[in-house]
Amino acid sequence: MTSLAWDAVLAWRLQRQQLAARAPRAAALDVVSAIGGLHAQVASAAELTLWARVEGLERGALDRALWQERSLVKTWAMRGTLHLLVAAELPRYVAALSRLRPRHHVPAWLRAHGLERGQAEAMLAAIAAVLDGSLLTREELAAAVAERVGEPDLANKLEGGFGDLLKPAAFTGDLCFGPSDGQRVRFTRPAVWLGGWESVEPEQAARAIVRTYLHAYGPAPREQFQRWFGMTSPAEAARWIKALGDEVTEVDVEGRREWMLADDVAEAESAEPAGVVRLLGGFDHYVVGAPRDGEAVLAPERRDRVYRPQGWLSPVLLVDGRIAGVWSHDVAGGRVAVDVEPFERIGADVKAAVETEAERLAEFLGGSAELRWT
C-alpha cells in the first residue's frame, strides 16, 4: 500500500480543483465538470467558487451560461442541495441519483408532508406533465399540479417550504430551474429546456460520479464520499467505490486508509506545496469536500468557525490546502472592503498573496480593494 503525506495530498488536491493555478476563461465549463458542479444555495457563492478557479471570469458569466447558452443547468442534486451542473452531464447525475432510495418511498418523508405514497406518485407524475414545454412559477406549478391530480390542498403544500416536495422531481430529471420572472423563480422540464436528453445506465453513471469525485477530492474514505453525495450508509458508498475494480486503490495517508484512483497515485505522491494562497467564498467545494474528522485541513477547535449551523459554510483563507482563517467582504461606494481574520500569525508572503487576491476580487466585483486585517 502506498503511503502519502498530507502535504502532498493537499498540494495534489489543489491542482485537481484548479486552485493551484487558475484555468483560462474558455475552460470554465471544464472546471465546473471537474469539481462536480457548483454549490448554488447562494448564487453569489457559486460565482465566487468559479472566480477562485478561472482567470478573467466576467460578472454575469453564470447567468449567460444558465439562461442564454443553456450550457449549465440549475437543479437540486447531491445532498438535496442546489447545484449548477454542466447541462450535458445532468442525465448522468440523475441516473446516479436514481440508485438512491427515492424520498417519496421513505415513510418519514411522507408523514412529514401529510402524503400517502400513491399521492406522492401522482404528484410527481403531474409535475413532469405540466412542466413539459412550460416555464411556471412555483404558484403556477402548484395550482396546475393540484388541478391535474384533483387535490386542491396539494397546492398549499407545493407552495410552502424550501422546495422539499419538488426535489424528488429534480432527482428524476423532470424538473429544473428556468429564468426567473422578476423575483419569482420558475421551473421547467430539463429535456425540453436543454434541447434533448440522452439517458445513462445507472451503474455506469455511478462509476462516472465516483471517478469525478476521487479525481477532485481524493484520496478519501468511504464516509467522505457518502457525505458528499448524500447517501444513507458508508456501506453503500463503499460498494460504489469498489465497483470501479482495479481503477481504485487504497492508500495510507499518515495512518488513514483512504481510496483514490490508481492512476492518480504517482502524481499525488510527487506533489509538493507551492505556496498557494486563495480566498474561497462561502460554500466553496474545497471546503465541502475537505475531511472534517482530523487536523489535516482545519484544527478541530476552529471547526465551528467554518462549518456553521444549518449547513452554512464560511468563506475561508486557504494556504497550501489548509484553512488558515475566515474572511468577508462588503461592497459600497465603489469600494470592496475585504476583512480577513487569520486563525494564527501569518507571514509576509501570505499577506502579500492575500492582498493580490483581494485586488482580484475587487476587480471582479467592479470596485477598488480595501484590505482590512482583523
Protein backbone atom coordinates (compact mmCIF):
# COMPACT_ATOMS: atom_id res chain seq x y z
CA MET A 1 0.00 0.00 0.00
CA THR A 2 1.36 3.40 -0.99
CA SER A 3 1.93 5.87 1.84
CA LEU A 4 1.18 9.54 1.25
CA ALA A 5 1.87 12.63 3.34
CA TRP A 6 -0.84 15.22 3.89
CA ASP A 7 1.35 17.96 2.42
CA ALA A 8 1.49 16.02 -0.86
CA VAL A 9 -2.21 15.13 -0.78
CA LEU A 10 -3.29 18.74 -0.27
CA ALA A 11 -0.92 20.02 -2.95
CA TRP A 12 -2.33 17.48 -5.40
CA ARG A 13 -5.90 18.28 -4.42
CA LEU A 14 -5.29 21.98 -5.10
CA GLN A 15 -4.08 21.06 -8.58
CA ARG A 16 -7.07 18.85 -9.29
CA GLN A 17 -9.53 21.52 -8.15
CA GLN A 18 -7.88 24.22 -10.27
CA LEU A 19 -6.76 26.17 -7.20
CA ALA A 20 -3.01 25.82 -7.68
CA ALA A 21 -3.32 27.79 -10.93
CA ARG A 22 -6.45 29.38 -12.34
CA ALA A 23 -7.83 27.94 -15.56
CA PRO A 24 -8.32 30.11 -18.66
CA ARG A 25 -11.78 31.61 -19.07
CA ALA A 26 -12.51 29.36 -22.06
CA ALA A 27 -12.19 26.32 -19.76
CA ALA A 28 -14.79 27.46 -17.22
CA LEU A 29 -17.21 24.63 -18.05
CA ASP A 30 -14.40 22.10 -17.71
CA VAL A 31 -13.75 23.40 -14.21
CA VAL A 32 -17.42 23.05 -13.27
CA SER A 33 -17.37 19.50 -14.59
CA ALA A 34 -14.14 18.59 -12.78
CA ILE A 35 -15.33 19.62 -9.32
CA GLY A 36 -18.82 18.13 -9.67
CA GLY A 37 -20.83 21.29 -10.28
CA LEU A 38 -21.17 24.49 -8.27
CA HIS A 39 -22.98 24.65 -4.94
CA ALA A 40 -25.76 27.17 -5.62
CA GLN A 41 -27.76 27.64 -2.42
CA VAL A 42 -26.43 31.21 -2.65
CA ALA A 43 -25.95 32.45 -6.22
CA SER A 44 -23.08 34.79 -5.35
CA ALA A 45 -21.24 31.91 -3.65
CA ALA A 46 -21.42 29.81 -6.82
CA GLU A 47 -19.95 32.72 -8.75
CA LEU A 48 -17.07 33.07 -6.27
CA THR A 49 -16.37 29.33 -6.42
CA LEU A 50 -15.73 29.71 -10.14
CA TRP A 51 -13.90 33.04 -9.73
CA ALA A 52 -11.37 31.34 -7.44
CA ARG A 53 -10.55 28.87 -10.21
CA VAL A 54 -10.89 30.77 -13.50
CA GLU A 55 -8.69 33.62 -14.71
CA GLY A 56 -10.57 36.65 -16.02
CA LEU A 57 -14.05 35.37 -15.21
CA GLU A 58 -16.63 38.02 -16.08
CA ARG A 59 -19.57 39.03 -13.90
CA GLY A 60 -22.74 37.55 -15.29
CA ALA A 61 -20.96 34.59 -16.91
CA LEU A 62 -23.02 32.10 -14.92
CA ASP A 63 -26.30 33.79 -15.81
CA ARG A 64 -25.38 33.69 -19.50
CA ALA A 65 -24.42 30.02 -19.26
CA LEU A 66 -27.70 29.22 -17.48
CA TRP A 67 -30.31 31.25 -19.30
CA GLN A 68 -28.85 32.10 -22.72
CA GLU A 69 -26.35 29.42 -23.68
CA ARG A 70 -28.03 26.75 -21.51
CA SER A 71 -24.65 25.08 -21.06
CA LEU A 72 -25.29 24.98 -17.29
CA VAL A 73 -28.45 23.90 -15.52
CA LYS A 74 -29.68 24.77 -12.03
CA THR A 75 -31.31 21.98 -10.06
CA TRP A 76 -31.38 20.08 -6.78
CA ALA A 77 -28.76 17.33 -6.83
CA MET A 78 -26.23 15.89 -4.35
CA ARG A 79 -27.30 16.06 -0.71
CA GLY A 80 -30.58 17.61 -1.87
CA THR A 81 -28.84 20.96 -2.31
CA LEU A 82 -29.00 23.35 -5.23
CA HIS A 83 -26.22 22.93 -7.78
CA LEU A 84 -25.24 24.32 -11.14
CA LEU A 85 -24.25 21.35 -13.30
CA VAL A 86 -22.89 21.12 -16.81
CA ALA A 87 -26.08 20.64 -18.82
CA ALA A 88 -24.74 17.75 -20.89
CA GLU A 89 -23.90 15.89 -17.66
CA LEU A 90 -27.31 16.24 -16.00
CA PRO A 91 -28.56 12.83 -17.25
CA ARG A 92 -25.51 11.23 -15.61
CA TYR A 93 -26.24 12.80 -12.23
CA VAL A 94 -29.93 11.94 -12.49
CA ALA A 95 -29.10 8.32 -13.32
CA ALA A 96 -26.71 8.09 -10.37
CA LEU A 97 -29.26 9.65 -8.02
CA SER A 98 -31.80 7.06 -9.18
CA ARG A 99 -29.74 4.41 -7.37
CA LEU A 100 -30.54 6.01 -4.02
CA ARG A 101 -33.80 5.27 -2.24
CA PRO A 102 -36.37 7.82 -3.52
CA ARG A 103 -37.56 10.30 -0.89
CA HIS A 104 -41.20 9.58 -1.66
CA HIS A 105 -40.58 5.93 -0.72
CA VAL A 106 -39.47 6.93 2.79
CA PRO A 107 -42.34 6.76 5.33
CA ALA A 108 -40.92 9.59 7.45
CA TRP A 109 -40.83 11.91 4.42
CA LEU A 110 -44.40 11.05 3.51
CA ARG A 111 -45.61 11.60 7.08
CA ALA A 112 -43.79 14.95 7.30
CA HIS A 113 -45.72 16.19 4.26
CA GLY A 114 -49.03 14.51 5.05
CA LEU A 115 -48.98 12.34 1.94
CA GLU A 116 -49.71 8.75 1.06
CA ARG A 117 -47.30 7.09 -1.31
CA GLY A 118 -49.89 6.97 -4.08
CA GLN A 119 -50.50 10.70 -3.71
CA ALA A 120 -46.78 11.39 -3.95
CA GLU A 121 -46.50 9.27 -7.10
CA ALA A 122 -49.43 11.12 -8.69
CA MET A 123 -47.95 14.48 -7.70
CA LEU A 124 -44.56 13.69 -9.28
CA ALA A 125 -46.17 12.42 -12.47
CA ALA A 126 -48.22 15.62 -12.65
CA ILE A 127 -45.14 17.81 -12.13
CA ALA A 128 -43.44 16.16 -15.11
CA ALA A 129 -46.56 16.56 -17.26
CA VAL A 130 -47.34 20.21 -16.52
CA LEU A 131 -43.71 21.31 -16.90
CA ASP A 132 -43.29 19.63 -20.29
CA GLY A 133 -42.58 22.61 -22.55
CA SER A 134 -43.67 25.18 -19.93
CA LEU A 135 -41.99 27.75 -17.70
CA LEU A 136 -44.04 28.04 -14.49
CA THR A 137 -43.62 29.94 -11.25
CA ARG A 138 -43.99 27.92 -8.08
CA GLU A 139 -47.53 29.22 -7.61
CA GLU A 140 -48.47 28.34 -11.20
CA LEU A 141 -46.87 24.93 -10.89
CA ALA A 142 -48.63 24.21 -7.60
CA ALA A 143 -52.01 25.19 -8.99
CA ALA A 144 -51.57 23.16 -12.18
CA VAL A 145 -50.44 20.04 -10.31
CA ALA A 146 -53.26 20.27 -7.76
CA GLU A 147 -55.81 20.62 -10.55
CA ARG A 148 -54.33 17.72 -12.53
CA VAL A 149 -54.45 15.28 -9.61
CA GLY A 150 -57.74 16.64 -8.30
CA GLU A 151 -56.45 17.55 -4.83
CA PRO A 152 -56.80 21.31 -4.12
CA ASP A 153 -54.96 21.05 -0.78
CA LEU A 154 -51.83 19.95 -2.61
CA ALA A 155 -51.31 23.48 -3.95
CA ASN A 156 -50.56 24.88 -0.49
CA LYS A 157 -48.09 22.11 0.23
CA LEU A 158 -46.21 22.66 -3.02
CA GLU A 159 -46.01 26.41 -2.46
CA GLY A 160 -44.55 26.12 1.04
CA GLY A 161 -41.18 25.20 2.43
CA PHE A 162 -37.85 25.21 0.65
CA GLY A 163 -38.81 23.01 -2.26
CA ASP A 164 -38.73 19.70 -0.41
CA LEU A 165 -41.77 18.45 -2.33
CA LEU A 166 -40.17 19.46 -5.63
CA LYS A 167 -36.79 17.83 -5.05
CA PRO A 168 -37.87 14.27 -5.97
CA ALA A 169 -38.91 15.57 -9.41
CA ALA A 170 -35.48 17.16 -9.82
CA PHE A 171 -33.80 13.88 -8.85
CA THR A 172 -35.68 12.05 -11.61
CA GLY A 173 -34.81 14.70 -14.20
CA ASP A 174 -38.34 16.02 -14.51
CA LEU A 175 -37.72 19.49 -13.05
CA CYS A 176 -35.03 22.16 -13.19
CA PHE A 177 -34.95 25.91 -12.73
CA GLY A 178 -35.68 28.26 -15.59
CA PRO A 179 -35.09 32.01 -15.78
CA SER A 180 -36.88 33.91 -13.03
CA ASP A 181 -39.88 36.16 -13.62
CA GLY A 182 -38.71 39.17 -11.66
CA GLN A 183 -38.27 37.95 -8.08
CA ARG A 184 -40.29 34.78 -8.70
CA VAL A 185 -38.39 31.60 -9.55
CA ARG A 186 -39.67 29.47 -12.41
CA PHE A 187 -39.36 25.80 -13.22
CA THR A 188 -39.36 23.76 -16.39
CA ARG A 189 -38.60 20.26 -17.66
CA PRO A 190 -34.89 19.73 -18.46
CA ALA A 191 -35.30 17.59 -21.57
CA VAL A 192 -37.20 20.38 -23.29
CA TRP A 193 -35.26 23.31 -21.83
CA LEU A 194 -31.88 21.82 -22.69
CA GLY A 195 -32.90 20.57 -26.10
CA GLY A 196 -32.63 16.84 -25.58
CA TRP A 197 -31.91 14.07 -23.12
CA GLU A 198 -29.53 11.12 -23.51
CA SER A 199 -30.26 8.63 -20.76
CA VAL A 200 -27.36 6.96 -18.96
CA GLU A 201 -27.40 3.49 -17.42
CA PRO A 202 -27.45 3.98 -13.60
CA GLU A 203 -24.44 1.79 -12.75
CA GLN A 204 -22.39 3.41 -15.50
CA ALA A 205 -23.42 6.81 -14.16
CA ALA A 206 -22.47 5.87 -10.60
CA ARG A 207 -18.99 4.80 -11.71
CA ALA A 208 -18.54 8.09 -13.57
CA ILE A 209 -19.58 10.07 -10.47
CA VAL A 210 -17.11 8.15 -8.28
CA ARG A 211 -14.33 8.88 -10.79
CA THR A 212 -15.18 12.58 -10.79
CA TYR A 213 -15.26 12.68 -7.01
CA LEU A 214 -11.99 10.82 -6.40
CA HIS A 215 -10.18 12.72 -9.15
CA ALA A 216 -11.01 16.04 -7.44
CA TYR A 217 -11.43 15.19 -3.75
CA GLY A 218 -9.43 12.02 -3.23
CA PRO A 219 -7.90 10.32 -1.50
CA ALA A 220 -10.96 9.92 0.68
CA PRO A 221 -12.57 7.37 2.98
CA ARG A 222 -15.96 5.95 2.09
CA GLU A 223 -17.66 8.16 4.71
CA GLN A 224 -16.43 11.29 2.97
CA PHE A 225 -17.91 10.20 -0.37
CA GLN A 226 -21.10 9.19 1.41
CA ARG A 227 -21.50 12.69 2.86
CA TRP A 228 -20.63 14.42 -0.43
CA PHE A 229 -23.20 12.52 -2.49
CA GLY A 230 -25.83 12.29 0.22
CA MET A 231 -26.02 8.57 0.88
CA THR A 232 -27.54 6.97 3.95
CA SER A 233 -24.77 4.49 4.79
CA PRO A 234 -20.99 4.11 4.47
CA ALA A 235 -21.52 0.56 3.20
CA GLU A 236 -23.42 1.86 0.19
CA ALA A 237 -20.65 4.35 -0.55
CA ALA A 238 -18.08 1.57 -0.31
CA ARG A 239 -19.99 -0.54 -2.85
CA TRP A 240 -19.99 2.34 -5.34
CA ILE A 241 -16.25 2.87 -4.91
CA LYS A 242 -15.34 -0.80 -5.13
CA ALA A 243 -17.45 -1.16 -8.30
CA LEU A 244 -14.56 0.53 -10.12
CA GLY A 245 -12.45 -2.56 -9.51
CA ASP A 246 -8.78 -2.09 -10.38
CA GLU A 247 -9.39 1.58 -11.19
CA VAL A 248 -9.30 2.34 -7.46
CA THR A 249 -6.80 1.52 -4.76
CA GLU A 250 -6.35 2.14 -1.07
CA VAL A 251 -3.54 4.36 0.15
CA ASP A 252 -2.24 5.21 3.59
CA VAL A 253 -2.40 8.92 4.39
CA GLU A 254 -0.48 9.32 7.63
CA GLY A 255 -2.26 6.37 9.23
CA ARG A 256 -5.64 6.79 7.50
CA ARG A 257 -6.72 4.26 4.87
CA GLU A 258 -8.38 6.09 2.01
CA TRP A 259 -9.45 5.46 -1.58
CA MET A 260 -8.17 7.10 -4.72
CA LEU A 261 -7.93 6.39 -8.44
CA ALA A 262 -4.96 4.13 -9.10
CA ASP A 263 -3.77 6.30 -11.99
CA ASP A 264 -3.56 9.32 -9.69
CA VAL A 265 -1.33 7.81 -7.01
CA ALA A 266 2.06 8.58 -8.56
CA GLU A 267 1.13 12.19 -9.28
CA ALA A 268 -0.20 12.70 -5.76
CA GLU A 269 2.89 11.07 -4.26
CA SER A 270 5.18 13.56 -6.01
CA ALA A 271 3.10 16.71 -5.41
CA GLU A 272 4.68 19.40 -3.26
CA PRO A 273 3.36 22.55 -1.55
CA ALA A 274 3.78 25.58 -3.79
CA GLY A 275 2.74 28.48 -1.57
CA VAL A 276 -0.83 28.60 -2.90
CA VAL A 277 -2.99 31.24 -1.22
CA ARG A 278 -6.67 31.66 -2.10
CA LEU A 279 -9.70 33.48 -0.78
CA LEU A 280 -12.53 30.96 -1.17
CA GLY A 281 -16.13 32.12 -0.98
CA GLY A 282 -18.86 30.61 1.17
CA PHE A 283 -19.90 27.03 0.35
CA ASP A 284 -16.76 26.50 -1.72
CA HIS A 285 -16.40 22.94 -2.97
CA TYR A 286 -12.93 22.57 -1.47
CA VAL A 287 -14.46 23.19 1.96
CA VAL A 288 -17.46 20.96 1.25
CA GLY A 289 -15.18 18.07 0.32
CA ALA A 290 -12.48 18.54 2.95
CA PRO A 291 -12.02 15.97 5.74
CA ARG A 292 -13.66 17.11 8.96
CA ASP A 293 -12.53 14.45 11.41
CA GLY A 294 -8.85 15.33 11.73
CA GLU A 295 -6.38 18.20 11.72
CA ALA A 296 -5.08 17.93 8.17
CA VAL A 297 -7.09 20.86 6.79
CA LEU A 298 -8.56 22.57 9.85
CA ALA A 299 -7.83 22.44 13.56
CA PRO A 300 -10.78 20.93 15.47
CA GLU A 301 -11.08 23.97 17.74
CA ARG A 302 -11.65 26.16 14.65
CA ARG A 303 -14.26 23.91 13.03
CA ASP A 304 -17.28 25.83 14.24
CA ARG A 305 -15.88 29.00 12.63
CA VAL A 306 -16.13 27.35 9.20
CA TYR A 307 -18.80 24.63 9.43
CA ARG A 308 -21.60 26.64 10.99
CA PRO A 309 -25.21 25.77 12.00
CA GLN A 310 -27.87 25.00 9.36
CA GLY A 311 -25.20 23.83 6.91
CA TRP A 312 -23.67 27.28 6.41
CA LEU A 313 -20.02 27.23 5.25
CA SER A 314 -17.92 30.34 5.83
CA PRO A 315 -15.63 32.00 3.27
CA VAL A 316 -12.09 30.87 4.13
CA LEU A 317 -8.47 31.84 3.70
CA LEU A 318 -6.69 28.83 2.19
CA VAL A 319 -2.91 28.45 2.49
CA ASP A 320 -1.38 25.42 0.76
CA GLY A 321 -4.60 23.48 1.19
CA ARG A 322 -5.10 24.29 4.87
CA ILE A 323 -7.81 26.60 6.17
CA ALA A 324 -5.89 29.41 7.83
CA GLY A 325 -8.68 31.89 8.55
CA VAL A 326 -12.05 33.31 7.54
CA TRP A 327 -12.99 36.45 5.65
CA SER A 328 -15.90 38.55 4.49
CA HIS A 329 -16.44 41.41 2.09
CA ASP A 330 -18.72 44.38 1.62
CA VAL A 331 -19.28 46.48 -1.50
CA ALA A 332 -20.21 50.12 -1.10
CA GLY A 333 -19.45 53.34 -2.95
CA GLY A 334 -17.08 51.74 -5.43
CA ARG A 335 -15.02 50.19 -2.62
CA VAL A 336 -14.73 46.48 -1.93
CA ALA A 337 -13.82 46.12 1.73
CA VAL A 338 -12.25 42.71 2.41
CA ASP A 339 -11.95 41.75 6.09
CA VAL A 340 -9.58 38.85 6.74
CA GLU A 341 -9.26 37.13 10.11
CA PRO A 342 -6.33 34.68 10.23
CA PHE A 343 -6.54 31.98 12.85
CA GLU A 344 -2.84 32.35 13.64
CA ARG A 345 0.04 34.66 12.79
CA ILE A 346 0.86 34.54 9.07
CA GLY A 347 3.98 35.58 7.24
CA ALA A 348 4.70 38.44 4.88
CA ASP A 349 4.49 36.22 1.79
CA VAL A 350 0.99 35.07 2.68
CA LYS A 351 -0.09 38.63 3.46
CA ALA A 352 1.15 39.79 0.06
CA ALA A 353 -0.71 36.95 -1.65
CA VAL A 354 -3.92 37.82 0.23
CA GLU A 355 -3.55 41.41 -0.94
CA THR A 356 -3.32 40.18 -4.54
CA GLU A 357 -6.41 38.03 -4.03
CA ALA A 358 -8.32 40.97 -2.56
CA GLU A 359 -7.38 43.12 -5.56
CA ARG A 360 -8.55 40.38 -7.91
CA LEU A 361 -11.83 40.16 -6.03
CA ALA A 362 -12.35 43.92 -6.17
CA GLU A 363 -11.66 43.97 -9.90
CA PHE A 364 -14.16 41.15 -10.39
CA LEU A 365 -16.81 42.97 -8.35
CA GLY A 366 -16.16 46.27 -10.09
CA GLY A 367 -14.52 48.33 -7.34
CA SER A 368 -11.23 49.12 -5.68
CA ALA A 369 -9.89 46.97 -2.86
CA GLU A 370 -9.65 47.91 0.81
CA LEU A 371 -7.99 45.05 2.70
CA ARG A 372 -8.51 45.02 6.45
CA TRP A 373 -6.95 42.54 8.88
CA THR A 374 -8.97 41.68 11.96
